[in-house]
Amino acid sequence: MHDSTLYSIGHGNKTIEKLIDELKSFNIVSSKKSYR
């Protein structure tokens, strides 16, 4: 997942803002899974 994200950034397919949003969403999902 992280590799594909870095790959996209390297090729200008994603903006830093989108990356941050994805990381935040990913962290939220991970946190919910941890509590369960």
Protein backbone atom coordinates (compact mmCIF):
# COMPACT_ATOMS: atom_id res chain seq x y z
CA MET A 1 0.00 0.00 0.00
CA HIS A 2 2.73 2.45 0.98
CA ASP A 3 4.85 1.47 -2.03
CA SER A 4 2.03 2.23 -4.48
CA THR A 5 1.41 5.56 -2.74
CA LEU A 6 5.07 6.59 -2.96
CA TYR A 7 5.11 5.44 -6.58
CA SER A 8 2.12 7.63 -7.39
CA ILE A 9 3.68 10.65 -5.69
CA GLY A 10 6.92 10.12 -7.60
CA HIS A 11 4.96 10.25 -10.83
CA GLY A 12 2.91 13.30 -9.84
CA ASN A 13 -0.39 11.41 -9.70
CA LYS A 14 -1.11 12.50 -6.14
CA THR A 15 -0.77 15.76 -4.28
CA ILE A 16 0.69 16.09 -0.80
CA GLU A 17 -2.74 17.04 0.51
CA LYS A 18 -4.29 13.83 -0.85
CA LEU A 19 -1.43 11.85 0.67
CA ILE A 20 -2.06 13.42 4.08
CA ASP A 21 -5.78 12.68 3.82
CA GLU A 22 -5.05 9.06 2.94
CA LEU A 23 -2.59 8.69 5.80
CA LYS A 24 -5.10 10.17 8.25
CA SER A 25 -7.83 7.84 6.99
CA PHE A 26 -5.46 4.88 7.18
CA ASN A 27 -4.44 5.76 10.74
CA ILE A 28 -8.09 6.10 11.80
CA VAL A 29 -8.90 2.69 10.34
CA SER A 30 -5.86 1.15 12.02
CA SER A 31 -6.87 2.66 15.37
CA LYS A 32 -10.39 1.26 15.09
CA LYS A 33 -9.01 -2.18 14.25
CA SER A 34 -6.65 -2.01 17.22
CA TYR A 35 -9.48 -1.32 19.67
CA ARG A 36 -11.45 -4.22 18.24
